[in-house]
Amino acid sequence: MARQLYSTGSVYEPLLGCSRAVRVGDLLTISACGPLAADGKTTAAPDAYGQAKRCLEIIARVVADAGFSLGDVVKTRVYFKSYDAWEEIAKAHGEVFSTVRPANAFIQVVGFASHEWHLEIEAECYRSS
């Protein structure tokens, strides 16, 4: 099966030597997305909900670019640094995935590439042929 790489132009992709997403056949794996705007700056810096919405927008765009739909998402992982922010992050996740209901993990971590980030989100998609 052919391996397809997807990029969003993030400064972190070449720095880390990674792709935003990799597709092999009917499987699409999306790297953890931080709340970055198109200009590379942090989106909604003090707002965990706004940052979660931005991460989910990035994921939705990559899913569509790869020819999948949000209904094909089977797993998400949400990494967050402050327990106080988890409900706002969960609210944004629920707004996008309330009918899809993928398997999910919410994982508290120490921090991220930027001290302004509240979270990162990654996803996996599967579409049967």
N, C-alpha and C. Protein backbone atom coordinates (compact mmCIF):
# COMPACT_ATOMS: atom_id res chain seq x y z
N MET A 1 0.84 -1.19 0.00
CA MET A 1 0.00 0.00 0.00
C MET A 1 0.88 1.25 0.00
N ALA A 2 0.42 2.23 -0.73
CA ALA A 2 1.16 3.49 -0.80
C ALA A 2 1.04 4.26 0.51
N ARG A 3 2.09 4.91 0.86
CA ARG A 3 2.13 5.75 2.07
C ARG A 3 2.03 7.20 1.61
N GLN A 4 1.03 7.92 2.12
CA GLN A 4 0.83 9.33 1.75
C GLN A 4 1.07 10.19 2.98
N LEU A 5 1.81 11.26 2.79
CA LEU A 5 2.12 12.20 3.87
C LEU A 5 1.34 13.49 3.65
N TYR A 6 0.85 14.07 4.73
CA TYR A 6 0.09 15.32 4.68
C TYR A 6 0.77 16.34 5.59
N SER A 7 0.84 17.57 5.10
CA SER A 7 1.47 18.64 5.86
C SER A 7 0.49 19.81 5.98
N THR A 8 0.60 20.54 7.08
CA THR A 8 -0.18 21.77 7.22
C THR A 8 0.72 23.00 7.18
N GLY A 9 2.01 22.77 6.97
CA GLY A 9 2.94 23.89 6.91
C GLY A 9 3.42 24.36 8.27
N SER A 10 3.14 23.61 9.31
CA SER A 10 3.59 23.97 10.65
C SER A 10 5.11 24.01 10.71
N VAL A 11 5.64 24.98 11.42
CA VAL A 11 7.09 25.07 11.60
C VAL A 11 7.65 23.85 12.33
N TYR A 12 6.79 23.15 13.07
CA TYR A 12 7.24 22.00 13.84
C TYR A 12 7.45 20.75 12.97
N GLU A 13 6.78 20.66 11.84
CA GLU A 13 6.89 19.46 11.00
C GLU A 13 8.32 19.21 10.53
N PRO A 14 8.97 20.18 9.85
CA PRO A 14 10.36 19.92 9.44
C PRO A 14 11.33 19.87 10.62
N LEU A 15 11.07 20.67 11.64
CA LEU A 15 11.93 20.69 12.81
C LEU A 15 11.98 19.32 13.49
N LEU A 16 10.80 18.69 13.62
CA LEU A 16 10.71 17.39 14.28
C LEU A 16 10.91 16.22 13.32
N GLY A 17 10.87 16.50 12.02
CA GLY A 17 10.97 15.42 11.05
C GLY A 17 9.72 14.56 11.04
N CYS A 18 8.55 15.22 11.05
CA CYS A 18 7.29 14.49 11.09
C CYS A 18 6.30 15.10 10.11
N SER A 19 5.22 14.39 9.89
CA SER A 19 4.13 14.87 9.05
C SER A 19 2.94 15.16 9.94
N ARG A 20 2.06 16.05 9.50
CA ARG A 20 0.82 16.30 10.23
C ARG A 20 -0.01 15.03 10.27
N ALA A 21 0.01 14.29 9.14
CA ALA A 21 -0.74 13.03 9.09
C ALA A 21 -0.07 12.09 8.11
N VAL A 22 -0.32 10.80 8.33
CA VAL A 22 0.17 9.76 7.44
C VAL A 22 -1.01 8.84 7.14
N ARG A 23 -1.18 8.56 5.84
CA ARG A 23 -2.24 7.64 5.42
C ARG A 23 -1.61 6.41 4.78
N VAL A 24 -2.04 5.26 5.23
CA VAL A 24 -1.67 3.99 4.61
C VAL A 24 -2.98 3.24 4.40
N GLY A 25 -3.40 3.13 3.14
CA GLY A 25 -4.65 2.47 2.84
C GLY A 25 -5.83 3.18 3.47
N ASP A 26 -6.58 2.45 4.27
CA ASP A 26 -7.79 2.99 4.90
C ASP A 26 -7.55 3.57 6.28
N LEU A 27 -6.27 3.69 6.67
CA LEU A 27 -5.91 4.22 7.98
C LEU A 27 -5.26 5.59 7.83
N LEU A 28 -5.72 6.56 8.60
CA LEU A 28 -5.14 7.90 8.64
C LEU A 28 -4.81 8.21 10.09
N THR A 29 -3.54 8.51 10.35
CA THR A 29 -3.11 8.87 11.69
C THR A 29 -2.67 10.33 11.68
N ILE A 30 -3.25 11.12 12.57
CA ILE A 30 -2.97 12.56 12.62
C ILE A 30 -2.17 12.87 13.87
N SER A 31 -1.01 13.52 13.67
CA SER A 31 -0.15 13.90 14.78
C SER A 31 -0.87 14.86 15.72
N ALA A 32 -0.36 14.96 16.92
CA ALA A 32 -0.92 15.90 17.88
C ALA A 32 -0.88 17.31 17.32
N CYS A 33 -2.02 17.98 17.36
CA CYS A 33 -2.16 19.34 16.83
C CYS A 33 -2.21 20.32 17.98
N GLY A 34 -1.33 21.30 17.94
CA GLY A 34 -1.38 22.40 18.90
C GLY A 34 -2.22 23.52 18.33
N PRO A 35 -2.59 24.48 19.16
CA PRO A 35 -3.48 25.57 18.74
C PRO A 35 -2.78 26.68 17.97
N LEU A 36 -2.28 26.35 16.78
CA LEU A 36 -1.55 27.32 15.99
C LEU A 36 -2.42 27.93 14.89
N ALA A 37 -2.30 29.23 14.73
CA ALA A 37 -2.93 29.94 13.62
C ALA A 37 -2.08 29.72 12.37
N ALA A 38 -2.59 30.12 11.23
CA ALA A 38 -1.88 29.97 9.96
C ALA A 38 -0.52 30.68 9.98
N ASP A 39 -0.42 31.78 10.75
CA ASP A 39 0.84 32.53 10.82
C ASP A 39 1.84 31.92 11.81
N GLY A 40 1.47 30.79 12.43
CA GLY A 40 2.37 30.11 13.36
C GLY A 40 2.29 30.58 14.80
N LYS A 41 1.41 31.55 15.05
CA LYS A 41 1.25 32.06 16.41
C LYS A 41 0.15 31.29 17.13
N THR A 42 0.23 31.28 18.45
CA THR A 42 -0.77 30.59 19.26
C THR A 42 -2.12 31.27 19.13
N THR A 43 -3.16 30.47 18.96
CA THR A 43 -4.53 30.95 18.86
C THR A 43 -5.17 30.97 20.24
N ALA A 44 -5.93 32.00 20.55
CA ALA A 44 -6.73 32.08 21.77
C ALA A 44 -5.91 31.75 23.01
N ALA A 45 -4.75 32.39 23.16
CA ALA A 45 -3.79 32.05 24.21
C ALA A 45 -4.38 31.80 25.61
N PRO A 46 -5.23 32.66 26.15
CA PRO A 46 -5.71 32.36 27.50
C PRO A 46 -6.92 31.43 27.56
N ASP A 47 -7.44 31.01 26.42
CA ASP A 47 -8.73 30.34 26.34
C ASP A 47 -8.61 28.88 25.92
N ALA A 48 -8.77 27.95 26.85
CA ALA A 48 -8.65 26.52 26.55
C ALA A 48 -9.71 26.07 25.55
N TYR A 49 -10.93 26.57 25.68
CA TYR A 49 -11.99 26.22 24.74
C TYR A 49 -11.63 26.65 23.32
N GLY A 50 -11.21 27.89 23.16
CA GLY A 50 -10.83 28.41 21.85
C GLY A 50 -9.65 27.65 21.26
N GLN A 51 -8.70 27.29 22.10
CA GLN A 51 -7.56 26.51 21.62
C GLN A 51 -8.01 25.12 21.17
N ALA A 52 -8.91 24.51 21.92
CA ALA A 52 -9.42 23.19 21.54
C ALA A 52 -10.15 23.28 20.20
N LYS A 53 -10.95 24.32 20.01
CA LYS A 53 -11.66 24.50 18.74
C LYS A 53 -10.66 24.61 17.59
N ARG A 54 -9.57 25.34 17.80
CA ARG A 54 -8.56 25.50 16.76
C ARG A 54 -7.90 24.16 16.44
N CYS A 55 -7.53 23.39 17.45
CA CYS A 55 -6.93 22.07 17.22
C CYS A 55 -7.88 21.18 16.42
N LEU A 56 -9.14 21.22 16.76
CA LEU A 56 -10.14 20.40 16.06
C LEU A 56 -10.36 20.88 14.63
N GLU A 57 -10.23 22.19 14.38
CA GLU A 57 -10.32 22.72 13.01
C GLU A 57 -9.17 22.18 12.17
N ILE A 58 -7.97 22.14 12.74
CA ILE A 58 -6.80 21.62 12.02
C ILE A 58 -7.04 20.15 11.69
N ILE A 59 -7.51 19.39 12.66
CA ILE A 59 -7.79 17.97 12.44
C ILE A 59 -8.84 17.80 11.35
N ALA A 60 -9.92 18.57 11.40
CA ALA A 60 -10.99 18.46 10.40
C ALA A 60 -10.46 18.76 9.00
N ARG A 61 -9.59 19.73 8.89
CA ARG A 61 -9.03 20.07 7.58
C ARG A 61 -8.16 18.95 7.04
N VAL A 62 -7.33 18.36 7.89
CA VAL A 62 -6.46 17.26 7.45
C VAL A 62 -7.31 16.04 7.08
N VAL A 63 -8.33 15.76 7.88
CA VAL A 63 -9.23 14.64 7.59
C VAL A 63 -9.84 14.82 6.20
N ALA A 64 -10.34 16.00 5.91
CA ALA A 64 -10.95 16.26 4.60
C ALA A 64 -9.92 16.21 3.47
N ASP A 65 -8.75 16.78 3.70
CA ASP A 65 -7.70 16.77 2.68
C ASP A 65 -7.30 15.35 2.30
N ALA A 66 -7.37 14.43 3.25
CA ALA A 66 -6.99 13.04 3.02
C ALA A 66 -8.15 12.22 2.45
N GLY A 67 -9.30 12.85 2.25
CA GLY A 67 -10.44 12.14 1.67
C GLY A 67 -11.28 11.37 2.67
N PHE A 68 -11.15 11.70 3.94
CA PHE A 68 -11.94 11.07 4.99
C PHE A 68 -12.98 12.08 5.47
N SER A 69 -13.83 11.65 6.40
CA SER A 69 -14.78 12.56 7.04
C SER A 69 -14.61 12.44 8.55
N LEU A 70 -15.16 13.39 9.27
CA LEU A 70 -15.09 13.30 10.74
C LEU A 70 -15.78 12.04 11.25
N GLY A 71 -16.74 11.51 10.49
CA GLY A 71 -17.39 10.26 10.85
C GLY A 71 -16.46 9.06 10.80
N ASP A 72 -15.30 9.22 10.15
CA ASP A 72 -14.31 8.14 10.08
C ASP A 72 -13.34 8.16 11.26
N VAL A 73 -13.43 9.17 12.12
CA VAL A 73 -12.53 9.24 13.28
C VAL A 73 -12.92 8.15 14.27
N VAL A 74 -11.96 7.30 14.61
CA VAL A 74 -12.22 6.18 15.53
C VAL A 74 -11.54 6.36 16.88
N LYS A 75 -10.57 7.29 16.97
CA LYS A 75 -9.86 7.50 18.24
C LYS A 75 -9.32 8.90 18.29
N THR A 76 -9.47 9.55 19.44
CA THR A 76 -8.81 10.82 19.69
C THR A 76 -8.07 10.72 21.02
N ARG A 77 -7.00 11.50 21.10
CA ARG A 77 -6.27 11.64 22.36
C ARG A 77 -6.11 13.13 22.61
N VAL A 78 -6.52 13.55 23.78
CA VAL A 78 -6.42 14.96 24.16
C VAL A 78 -5.41 15.05 25.29
N TYR A 79 -4.34 15.78 25.04
CA TYR A 79 -3.32 16.01 26.06
C TYR A 79 -3.53 17.43 26.58
N PHE A 80 -3.68 17.58 27.88
CA PHE A 80 -3.92 18.90 28.45
C PHE A 80 -3.03 19.08 29.67
N LYS A 81 -2.70 20.34 29.99
CA LYS A 81 -1.77 20.54 31.11
C LYS A 81 -2.44 20.97 32.41
N SER A 82 -3.61 21.55 32.36
CA SER A 82 -4.24 22.01 33.59
C SER A 82 -5.58 21.31 33.82
N TYR A 83 -5.69 20.67 34.95
CA TYR A 83 -6.94 19.98 35.28
C TYR A 83 -8.12 20.96 35.24
N ASP A 84 -7.88 22.21 35.58
CA ASP A 84 -8.94 23.21 35.59
C ASP A 84 -9.53 23.48 34.20
N ALA A 85 -8.81 23.12 33.15
CA ALA A 85 -9.25 23.41 31.78
C ALA A 85 -9.96 22.24 31.11
N TRP A 86 -9.97 21.07 31.72
CA TRP A 86 -10.45 19.88 31.01
C TRP A 86 -11.91 19.98 30.58
N GLU A 87 -12.76 20.63 31.37
CA GLU A 87 -14.18 20.71 31.01
C GLU A 87 -14.40 21.58 29.77
N GLU A 88 -13.66 22.68 29.65
CA GLU A 88 -13.77 23.53 28.47
C GLU A 88 -13.26 22.80 27.23
N ILE A 89 -12.20 22.04 27.39
CA ILE A 89 -11.65 21.25 26.29
C ILE A 89 -12.65 20.16 25.90
N ALA A 90 -13.20 19.50 26.90
CA ALA A 90 -14.19 18.43 26.65
C ALA A 90 -15.42 18.99 25.93
N LYS A 91 -15.83 20.20 26.28
CA LYS A 91 -16.98 20.83 25.63
C LYS A 91 -16.73 20.97 24.13
N ALA A 92 -15.56 21.47 23.76
CA ALA A 92 -15.23 21.65 22.34
C ALA A 92 -15.18 20.29 21.64
N HIS A 93 -14.57 19.31 22.27
CA HIS A 93 -14.47 17.96 21.69
C HIS A 93 -15.88 17.39 21.49
N GLY A 94 -16.73 17.55 22.48
CA GLY A 94 -18.09 17.05 22.40
C GLY A 94 -18.91 17.70 21.30
N GLU A 95 -18.68 18.98 21.06
CA GLU A 95 -19.40 19.68 19.99
C GLU A 95 -19.07 19.09 18.61
N VAL A 96 -17.84 18.66 18.44
CA VAL A 96 -17.42 18.11 17.15
C VAL A 96 -17.78 16.63 17.03
N PHE A 97 -17.65 15.88 18.12
CA PHE A 97 -17.77 14.43 18.04
C PHE A 97 -18.97 13.83 18.78
N SER A 98 -19.98 14.63 19.08
CA SER A 98 -21.12 14.12 19.85
C SER A 98 -21.85 12.98 19.16
N THR A 99 -21.92 12.98 17.85
CA THR A 99 -22.61 11.89 17.15
C THR A 99 -21.65 10.80 16.69
N VAL A 100 -20.38 11.15 16.48
CA VAL A 100 -19.38 10.18 16.05
C VAL A 100 -18.94 9.29 17.21
N ARG A 101 -18.70 9.92 18.34
CA ARG A 101 -18.31 9.26 19.58
C ARG A 101 -17.14 8.29 19.42
N PRO A 102 -15.97 8.81 18.98
CA PRO A 102 -14.80 7.94 18.86
C PRO A 102 -14.29 7.51 20.23
N ALA A 103 -13.49 6.46 20.24
CA ALA A 103 -12.77 6.12 21.46
C ALA A 103 -11.91 7.33 21.81
N ASN A 104 -11.65 7.57 23.09
CA ASN A 104 -11.00 8.81 23.49
C ASN A 104 -10.18 8.61 24.75
N ALA A 105 -9.13 9.41 24.86
CA ALA A 105 -8.36 9.49 26.10
C ALA A 105 -8.10 10.96 26.40
N PHE A 106 -8.30 11.37 27.63
CA PHE A 106 -7.91 12.69 28.12
C PHE A 106 -6.73 12.45 29.05
N ILE A 107 -5.58 13.04 28.72
CA ILE A 107 -4.35 12.74 29.43
C ILE A 107 -3.71 14.04 29.90
N GLN A 108 -3.52 14.17 31.21
CA GLN A 108 -2.87 15.37 31.73
C GLN A 108 -1.36 15.21 31.61
N VAL A 109 -0.70 16.27 31.11
CA VAL A 109 0.74 16.26 30.90
C VAL A 109 1.37 17.48 31.57
N VAL A 110 2.68 17.53 31.57
CA VAL A 110 3.40 18.63 32.21
C VAL A 110 3.37 19.90 31.37
N GLY A 111 3.53 19.78 30.06
CA GLY A 111 3.56 20.98 29.23
C GLY A 111 3.74 20.66 27.76
N PHE A 112 3.90 21.72 26.96
CA PHE A 112 3.98 21.60 25.50
C PHE A 112 5.12 22.44 24.95
N ALA A 113 5.22 22.47 23.62
CA ALA A 113 6.28 23.22 22.95
C ALA A 113 6.19 24.72 23.25
N SER A 114 5.01 25.20 23.54
CA SER A 114 4.82 26.60 23.92
C SER A 114 4.12 26.66 25.28
N HIS A 115 4.59 27.52 26.14
CA HIS A 115 3.96 27.67 27.46
C HIS A 115 2.54 28.24 27.36
N GLU A 116 2.18 28.83 26.20
CA GLU A 116 0.83 29.38 26.01
C GLU A 116 -0.22 28.31 25.71
N TRP A 117 0.22 27.13 25.31
CA TRP A 117 -0.72 26.10 24.90
C TRP A 117 -1.34 25.42 26.12
N HIS A 118 -2.64 25.20 26.04
CA HIS A 118 -3.37 24.44 27.06
C HIS A 118 -3.44 22.96 26.70
N LEU A 119 -3.32 22.64 25.39
CA LEU A 119 -3.59 21.28 24.96
C LEU A 119 -3.00 20.99 23.60
N GLU A 120 -3.01 19.71 23.26
CA GLU A 120 -2.78 19.20 21.91
C GLU A 120 -3.78 18.05 21.72
N ILE A 121 -4.20 17.84 20.48
CA ILE A 121 -5.15 16.75 20.19
C ILE A 121 -4.64 15.97 18.98
N GLU A 122 -4.71 14.66 19.06
CA GLU A 122 -4.39 13.82 17.92
C GLU A 122 -5.57 12.91 17.60
N ALA A 123 -5.58 12.36 16.40
CA ALA A 123 -6.73 11.55 15.97
C ALA A 123 -6.28 10.44 15.04
N GLU A 124 -7.12 9.41 14.99
CA GLU A 124 -6.95 8.31 14.05
C GLU A 124 -8.26 8.09 13.34
N CYS A 125 -8.17 7.85 12.03
CA CYS A 125 -9.35 7.58 11.21
C CYS A 125 -9.21 6.24 10.54
N TYR A 126 -10.34 5.61 10.33
CA TYR A 126 -10.36 4.35 9.58
C TYR A 126 -11.62 4.35 8.74
N ARG A 127 -11.44 3.98 7.49
CA ARG A 127 -12.57 3.88 6.59
C ARG A 127 -12.47 2.54 5.89
N SER A 128 -13.48 1.71 6.04
CA SER A 128 -13.45 0.42 5.35
C SER A 128 -13.78 0.63 3.88
N SER A 129 -13.06 -0.07 3.05
CA SER A 129 -13.22 0.09 1.59
C SER A 129 -14.56 -0.39 1.11
